[in-house]
Amino acid sequence: MAAANSFSLLRNSLTPRTFQNARTSFLFSSKLVSKNRTVLPLLPRRSLCHIRATNDEEASARAAAASADRGGSTIFDKIIAKEIPSTIVYEDEKVLAFKDINPQAPVHVLVIPKYRDALTQLSKAEPRHSEILGNLLYAAKIVAEKEGILDGFRVVINDGPSACQSVYHLHLHVLGGRQMAWPPG
């Protein structure tokens, strides 16, 4: 967090005057910008915002991990019970799929088991969970089909605080609708 605050101070101190002597050229929208034109660098600002967002995600993940083993109900349990509204994409007797409220791609759907059975994260899976793990992956395929992204989609499982897992109820993210970059991390 201290690093993000330091970067915020630096970002706020940068003004057009700071870069008045910067002369550069680059390709923008297939047109070469004149070498006599002052160009303000935009990438550092984006990077700084990314650092702050990443720190927030990491802090949320650590907080969620600290209370994960208490066995209390999660936001997903409340969505399954229809206590919290969601945009459901697919549902059967074992699986529920709904649109993410903070999408990271044009299509971003979460797929969860309706019955947690102590399956809070993939690393806690046991042989008895084999059937539900298969159901989750098959549901991801159905979601991709319903959302029109069968030509290319990504399935992501965040496991633990180092992977920024923020809800300890196993879930898959189905992402698509745009070109995915590689490597993903």
C-alpha atoms as a PDB file:
ATOM      1  CA  MET A   1       0.000   0.000   0.000  1.00  0.00           C
ATOM      2  CA  ALA A   2       2.875   2.358   0.782  1.00  0.00           C
ATOM      3  CA  ALA A   3       4.214   1.819  -2.717  1.00  0.00           C
ATOM      4  CA  ALA A   4       0.880   2.787  -4.246  1.00  0.00           C
ATOM      5  CA  ASN A   5       0.759   5.941  -2.097  1.00  0.00           C
ATOM      6  CA  SER A   6       4.276   6.912  -3.189  1.00  0.00           C
ATOM      7  CA  PHE A   7       3.314   6.373  -6.799  1.00  0.00           C
ATOM      8  CA  SER A   8       0.157   8.445  -6.275  1.00  0.00           C
ATOM      9  CA  LEU A   9       2.263  11.349  -4.991  1.00  0.00           C
ATOM     10  CA  LEU A  10       4.563  11.046  -7.985  1.00  0.00           C
ATOM     11  CA  ARG A  11       1.643  10.859 -10.401  1.00  0.00           C
ATOM     12  CA  ASN A  12      -0.040  13.916  -8.884  1.00  0.00           C
ATOM     13  CA  SER A  13       3.182  15.942  -9.108  1.00  0.00           C
ATOM     14  CA  LEU A  14       3.561  15.357 -12.847  1.00  0.00           C
ATOM     15  CA  THR A  15       2.273  18.219 -14.952  1.00  0.00           C
ATOM     16  CA  PRO A  16       2.530  19.108 -18.638  1.00  0.00           C
ATOM     17  CA  ARG A  17       5.296  21.577 -17.663  1.00  0.00           C
ATOM     18  CA  THR A  18       7.353  18.660 -16.310  1.00  0.00           C
ATOM     19  CA  PHE A  19       7.447  17.215 -19.806  1.00  0.00           C
ATOM     20  CA  GLN A  20       7.753  20.450 -21.814  1.00  0.00           C
ATOM     21  CA  ASN A  21      11.193  19.431 -23.103  1.00  0.00           C
ATOM     22  CA  ALA A  22      10.218  15.860 -23.875  1.00  0.00           C
ATOM     23  CA  ARG A  23      10.327  15.333 -27.604  1.00  0.00           C
ATOM     24  CA  THR A  24       9.434  11.947 -28.933  1.00  0.00           C
ATOM     25  CA  SER A  25       7.743  10.157 -31.751  1.00  0.00           C
ATOM     26  CA  PHE A  26       5.544   7.126 -31.742  1.00  0.00           C
ATOM     27  CA  LEU A  27       2.974   5.372 -33.872  1.00  0.00           C
ATOM     28  CA  PHE A  28      -0.580   6.304 -32.941  1.00  0.00           C
ATOM     29  CA  SER A  29      -3.577   5.180 -34.973  1.00  0.00           C
ATOM     30  CA  SER A  30      -1.235   4.369 -37.863  1.00  0.00           C
ATOM     31  CA  LYS A  31      -0.037   8.014 -38.096  1.00  0.00           C
ATOM     32  CA  LEU A  32       3.381   9.242 -37.073  1.00  0.00           C
ATOM     33  CA  VAL A  33       3.204  12.079 -34.533  1.00  0.00           C
ATOM     34  CA  SER A  34       5.591  14.944 -35.229  1.00  0.00           C
ATOM     35  CA  LYS A  35       8.953  14.927 -33.432  1.00  0.00           C
ATOM     36  CA  ASN A  36       8.341  18.557 -32.475  1.00  0.00           C
ATOM     37  CA  ARG A  37       5.210  17.763 -30.522  1.00  0.00           C
ATOM     38  CA  THR A  38       5.329  17.231 -26.766  1.00  0.00           C
ATOM     39  CA  VAL A  39       3.773  13.927 -25.759  1.00  0.00           C
ATOM     40  CA  LEU A  40       2.747  13.170 -22.208  1.00  0.00           C
ATOM     41  CA  PRO A  41       3.405   9.576 -21.183  1.00  0.00           C
ATOM     42  CA  LEU A  42       0.120   7.848 -20.335  1.00  0.00           C
ATOM     43  CA  LEU A  43       1.377   4.356 -19.553  1.00  0.00           C
ATOM     44  CA  PRO A  44       2.788   5.169 -16.090  1.00  0.00           C
ATOM     45  CA  ARG A  45      -0.578   6.497 -14.946  1.00  0.00           C
ATOM     46  CA  ARG A  46      -2.328   3.317 -16.101  1.00  0.00           C
ATOM     47  CA  SER A  47       0.325   1.209 -14.414  1.00  0.00           C
ATOM     48  CA  LEU A  48      -0.124   3.105 -11.166  1.00  0.00           C
ATOM     49  CA  CYS A  49      -3.878   2.554 -11.217  1.00  0.00           C
ATOM     50  CA  HIS A  50      -3.240  -1.144 -11.865  1.00  0.00           C
ATOM     51  CA  ILE A  51      -0.890  -1.303  -8.871  1.00  0.00           C
ATOM     52  CA  ARG A  52      -3.557   0.218  -6.611  1.00  0.00           C
ATOM     53  CA  ALA A  53      -6.283  -2.139  -7.919  1.00  0.00           C
ATOM     54  CA  THR A  54      -3.979  -5.123  -7.497  1.00  0.00           C
ATOM     55  CA  ASN A  55      -3.184  -4.112  -3.914  1.00  0.00           C
ATOM     56  CA  ASP A  56      -6.927  -3.828  -3.169  1.00  0.00           C
ATOM     57  CA  GLU A  57      -7.574  -7.282  -4.651  1.00  0.00           C
ATOM     58  CA  GLU A  58      -4.697  -8.771  -2.691  1.00  0.00           C
ATOM     59  CA  ALA A  59      -5.933  -7.209   0.568  1.00  0.00           C
ATOM     60  CA  SER A  60      -9.465  -8.501  -0.066  1.00  0.00           C
ATOM     61  CA  ALA A  61      -8.118 -11.963  -0.818  1.00  0.00           C
ATOM     62  CA  ARG A  62      -6.079 -12.033   2.405  1.00  0.00           C
ATOM     63  CA  ALA A  63      -9.106 -10.916   4.430  1.00  0.00           C
ATOM     64  CA  ALA A  64     -11.324 -13.554   2.801  1.00  0.00           C
ATOM     65  CA  ALA A  65      -8.725 -16.277   3.427  1.00  0.00           C
ATOM     66  CA  ALA A  66      -8.577 -15.371   7.121  1.00  0.00           C
ATOM     67  CA  SER A  67     -12.275 -16.183   7.547  1.00  0.00           C
ATOM     68  CA  ALA A  68     -12.539 -18.991   4.965  1.00  0.00           C
ATOM     69  CA  ASP A  69     -12.415 -21.949   7.325  1.00  0.00           C
ATOM     70  CA  ARG A  70     -15.110 -20.670   9.673  1.00  0.00           C
ATOM     71  CA  GLY A  71     -17.752 -22.337   7.519  1.00  0.00           C
ATOM     72  CA  GLY A  72     -20.091 -19.351   7.443  1.00  0.00           C
ATOM     73  CA  SER A  73     -22.287 -18.555   4.515  1.00  0.00           C
ATOM     74  CA  THR A  74     -20.725 -16.774   1.554  1.00  0.00           C
ATOM     75  CA  ILE A  75     -22.169 -14.301  -0.902  1.00  0.00           C
ATOM     76  CA  PHE A  76     -22.571 -17.239  -3.290  1.00  0.00           C
ATOM     77  CA  ASP A  77     -24.737 -19.104  -0.743  1.00  0.00           C
ATOM     78  CA  LYS A  78     -26.967 -16.015  -0.653  1.00  0.00           C
ATOM     79  CA  ILE A  79     -27.136 -15.920  -4.458  1.00  0.00           C
ATOM     80  CA  ILE A  80     -28.077 -19.624  -4.538  1.00  0.00           C
ATOM     81  CA  ALA A  81     -30.821 -18.946  -1.947  1.00  0.00           C
ATOM     82  CA  LYS A  82     -32.001 -16.006  -4.129  1.00  0.00           C
ATOM     83  CA  GLU A  83     -31.430 -13.623  -1.202  1.00  0.00           C
ATOM     84  CA  ILE A  84     -29.170 -11.543  -3.450  1.00  0.00           C
ATOM     85  CA  PRO A  85     -30.278 -10.883  -7.040  1.00  0.00           C
ATOM     86  CA  SER A  86     -28.125 -12.053  -9.918  1.00  0.00           C
ATOM     87  CA  THR A  87     -28.365 -12.445 -13.678  1.00  0.00           C
ATOM     88  CA  ILE A  88     -28.568 -16.202 -14.057  1.00  0.00           C
ATOM     89  CA  VAL A  89     -27.155 -17.623 -17.276  1.00  0.00           C
ATOM     90  CA  TYR A  90     -27.549 -21.342 -16.493  1.00  0.00           C
ATOM     91  CA  GLU A  91     -28.956 -23.423 -13.669  1.00  0.00           C
ATOM     92  CA  ASP A  92     -29.549 -27.090 -12.998  1.00  0.00           C
ATOM     93  CA  GLU A  93     -29.958 -29.136  -9.812  1.00  0.00           C
ATOM     94  CA  LYS A  94     -26.207 -29.038  -9.017  1.00  0.00           C
ATOM     95  CA  VAL A  95     -24.774 -25.901 -10.621  1.00  0.00           C
ATOM     96  CA  LEU A  96     -25.607 -22.204 -10.883  1.00  0.00           C
ATOM     97  CA  ALA A  97     -23.992 -19.804 -13.378  1.00  0.00           C
ATOM     98  CA  PHE A  98     -24.487 -16.042 -13.211  1.00  0.00           C
ATOM     99  CA  LYS A  99     -22.916 -12.880 -14.614  1.00  0.00           C
ATOM    100  CA  ASP A 100     -20.071 -11.349 -12.615  1.00  0.00           C
ATOM    101  CA  ILE A 101     -20.886  -7.890 -11.230  1.00  0.00           C
ATOM    102  CA  ASN A 102     -17.322  -6.721 -11.950  1.00  0.00           C
ATOM    103  CA  PRO A 103     -16.669  -8.214 -15.414  1.00  0.00           C
ATOM    104  CA  GLN A 104     -13.096  -8.525 -16.642  1.00  0.00           C
ATOM    105  CA  ALA A 105     -14.172  -9.350 -20.212  1.00  0.00           C
ATOM    106  CA  PRO A 106     -17.273  -8.739 -22.355  1.00  0.00           C
ATOM    107  CA  VAL A 107     -18.494 -12.143 -21.147  1.00  0.00           C
ATOM    108  CA  HIS A 108     -17.664 -12.939 -17.525  1.00  0.00           C
ATOM    109  CA  VAL A 109     -19.804 -15.589 -15.865  1.00  0.00           C
ATOM    110  CA  LEU A 110     -19.235 -17.347 -12.541  1.00  0.00           C
ATOM    111  CA  VAL A 111     -20.093 -21.041 -12.275  1.00  0.00           C
ATOM    112  CA  ILE A 112     -20.610 -22.423  -8.771  1.00  0.00           C
ATOM    113  CA  PRO A 113     -21.765 -25.660  -7.177  1.00  0.00           C
ATOM    114  CA  LYS A 114     -25.104 -25.245  -5.394  1.00  0.00           C
ATOM    115  CA  TYR A 115     -23.916 -27.439  -2.544  1.00  0.00           C
ATOM    116  CA  ARG A 116     -20.466 -26.487  -1.255  1.00  0.00           C
ATOM    117  CA  ASP A 117     -19.673 -29.751   0.600  1.00  0.00           C
ATOM    118  CA  ALA A 118     -16.498 -28.188   2.110  1.00  0.00           C
ATOM    119  CA  LEU A 119     -15.235 -27.457  -1.404  1.00  0.00           C
ATOM    120  CA  THR A 120     -14.018 -23.937  -0.737  1.00  0.00           C
ATOM    121  CA  GLN A 121     -11.129 -24.091  -3.189  1.00  0.00           C
ATOM    122  CA  LEU A 122      -9.759 -26.500  -5.771  1.00  0.00           C
ATOM    123  CA  SER A 123      -6.763 -27.428  -3.607  1.00  0.00           C
ATOM    124  CA  LYS A 124      -9.221 -28.809  -1.021  1.00  0.00           C
ATOM    125  CA  ALA A 125     -10.875 -31.172  -3.522  1.00  0.00           C
ATOM    126  CA  GLU A 126     -11.177 -34.825  -2.534  1.00  0.00           C
ATOM    127  CA  PRO A 127     -12.136 -37.894  -4.588  1.00  0.00           C
ATOM    128  CA  ARG A 128     -15.766 -37.441  -3.488  1.00  0.00           C
ATOM    129  CA  HIS A 129     -15.806 -34.075  -5.324  1.00  0.00           C
ATOM    130  CA  SER A 130     -14.992 -35.579  -8.743  1.00  0.00           C
ATOM    131  CA  GLU A 131     -18.579 -35.512  -9.971  1.00  0.00           C
ATOM    132  CA  ILE A 132     -19.228 -31.872  -9.074  1.00  0.00           C
ATOM    133  CA  LEU A 133     -15.887 -30.800 -10.590  1.00  0.00           C
ATOM    134  CA  GLY A 134     -16.955 -32.452 -13.844  1.00  0.00           C
ATOM    135  CA  ASN A 135     -20.379 -30.795 -13.616  1.00  0.00           C
ATOM    136  CA  LEU A 136     -18.747 -27.383 -13.176  1.00  0.00           C
ATOM    137  CA  LEU A 137     -16.582 -27.810 -16.273  1.00  0.00           C
ATOM    138  CA  TYR A 138     -19.499 -29.084 -18.342  1.00  0.00           C
ATOM    139  CA  ALA A 139     -21.577 -26.115 -17.155  1.00  0.00           C
ATOM    140  CA  ALA A 140     -18.738 -23.813 -18.296  1.00  0.00           C
ATOM    141  CA  LYS A 141     -19.097 -25.271 -21.788  1.00  0.00           C
ATOM    142  CA  ILE A 142     -22.877 -24.713 -21.716  1.00  0.00           C
ATOM    143  CA  VAL A 143     -22.346 -21.116 -20.554  1.00  0.00           C
ATOM    144  CA  ALA A 144     -19.883 -20.504 -23.401  1.00  0.00           C
ATOM    145  CA  GLU A 145     -22.441 -21.889 -25.831  1.00  0.00           C
ATOM    146  CA  LYS A 146     -25.286 -19.763 -24.434  1.00  0.00           C
ATOM    147  CA  GLU A 147     -23.107 -16.632 -24.441  1.00  0.00           C
ATOM    148  CA  GLY A 148     -21.922 -17.237 -28.025  1.00  0.00           C
ATOM    149  CA  ILE A 149     -18.218 -17.601 -27.236  1.00  0.00           C
ATOM    150  CA  LEU A 150     -17.586 -21.228 -28.205  1.00  0.00           C
ATOM    151  CA  ASP A 151     -14.974 -19.996 -30.703  1.00  0.00           C
ATOM    152  CA  GLY A 152     -12.718 -19.093 -27.767  1.00  0.00           C
ATOM    153  CA  PHE A 153     -13.100 -18.683 -24.033  1.00  0.00           C
ATOM    154  CA  ARG A 154     -11.074 -19.072 -20.866  1.00  0.00           C
ATOM    155  CA  VAL A 155     -11.961 -20.899 -17.646  1.00  0.00           C
ATOM    156  CA  VAL A 156     -10.164 -19.617 -14.550  1.00  0.00           C
ATOM    157  CA  ILE A 157     -10.095 -20.891 -10.973  1.00  0.00           C
ATOM    158  CA  ASN A 158      -8.414 -18.680  -8.385  1.00  0.00           C
ATOM    159  CA  ASP A 159      -7.119 -20.823  -5.519  1.00  0.00           C
ATOM    160  CA  GLY A 160      -6.001 -19.160  -2.295  1.00  0.00           C
ATOM    161  CA  PRO A 161      -4.885 -15.669  -1.364  1.00  0.00           C
ATOM    162  CA  SER A 162      -1.828 -15.682  -3.667  1.00  0.00           C
ATOM    163  CA  ALA A 163      -4.219 -16.198  -6.593  1.00  0.00           C
ATOM    164  CA  CYS A 164      -6.563 -13.470  -5.267  1.00  0.00           C
ATOM    165  CA  GLN A 165      -9.418 -15.833  -4.391  1.00  0.00           C
ATOM    166  CA  SER A 166     -11.937 -13.571  -2.669  1.00  0.00           C
ATOM    167  CA  VAL A 167     -14.886 -15.942  -2.079  1.00  0.00           C
ATOM    168  CA  TYR A 168     -14.214 -19.304  -0.453  1.00  0.00           C
ATOM    169  CA  HIS A 169     -16.853 -21.277  -2.305  1.00  0.00           C
ATOM    170  CA  LEU A 170     -15.225 -22.988  -5.294  1.00  0.00           C
ATOM    171  CA  HIS A 171     -16.133 -21.154  -8.476  1.00  0.00           C
ATOM    172  CA  LEU A 172     -15.058 -20.974 -12.103  1.00  0.00           C
ATOM    173  CA  HIS A 173     -14.778 -17.782 -14.114  1.00  0.00           C
ATOM    174  CA  VAL A 174     -15.828 -18.188 -17.749  1.00  0.00           C
ATOM    175  CA  LEU A 175     -14.288 -15.309 -19.715  1.00  0.00           C
ATOM    176  CA  GLY A 176     -14.645 -14.480 -23.388  1.00  0.00           C
ATOM    177  CA  GLY A 177     -15.920 -12.097 -26.006  1.00  0.00           C
ATOM    178  CA  ARG A 178     -12.467 -10.631 -26.709  1.00  0.00           C
ATOM    179  CA  GLN A 179      -8.988 -11.834 -27.577  1.00  0.00           C
ATOM    180  CA  MET A 180      -7.360 -13.286 -24.465  1.00  0.00           C
ATOM    181  CA  ALA A 181      -3.691 -12.503 -23.872  1.00  0.00           C
ATOM    182  CA  TRP A 182      -1.037 -15.076 -23.047  1.00  0.00           C
ATOM    183  CA  PRO A 183       0.509 -15.549 -20.587  1.00  0.00           C
ATOM    184  CA  PRO A 184      -2.518 -14.703 -18.439  1.00  0.00           C
ATOM    185  CA  GLY A 185      -0.768 -13.698 -15.201  1.00  0.00           C
END
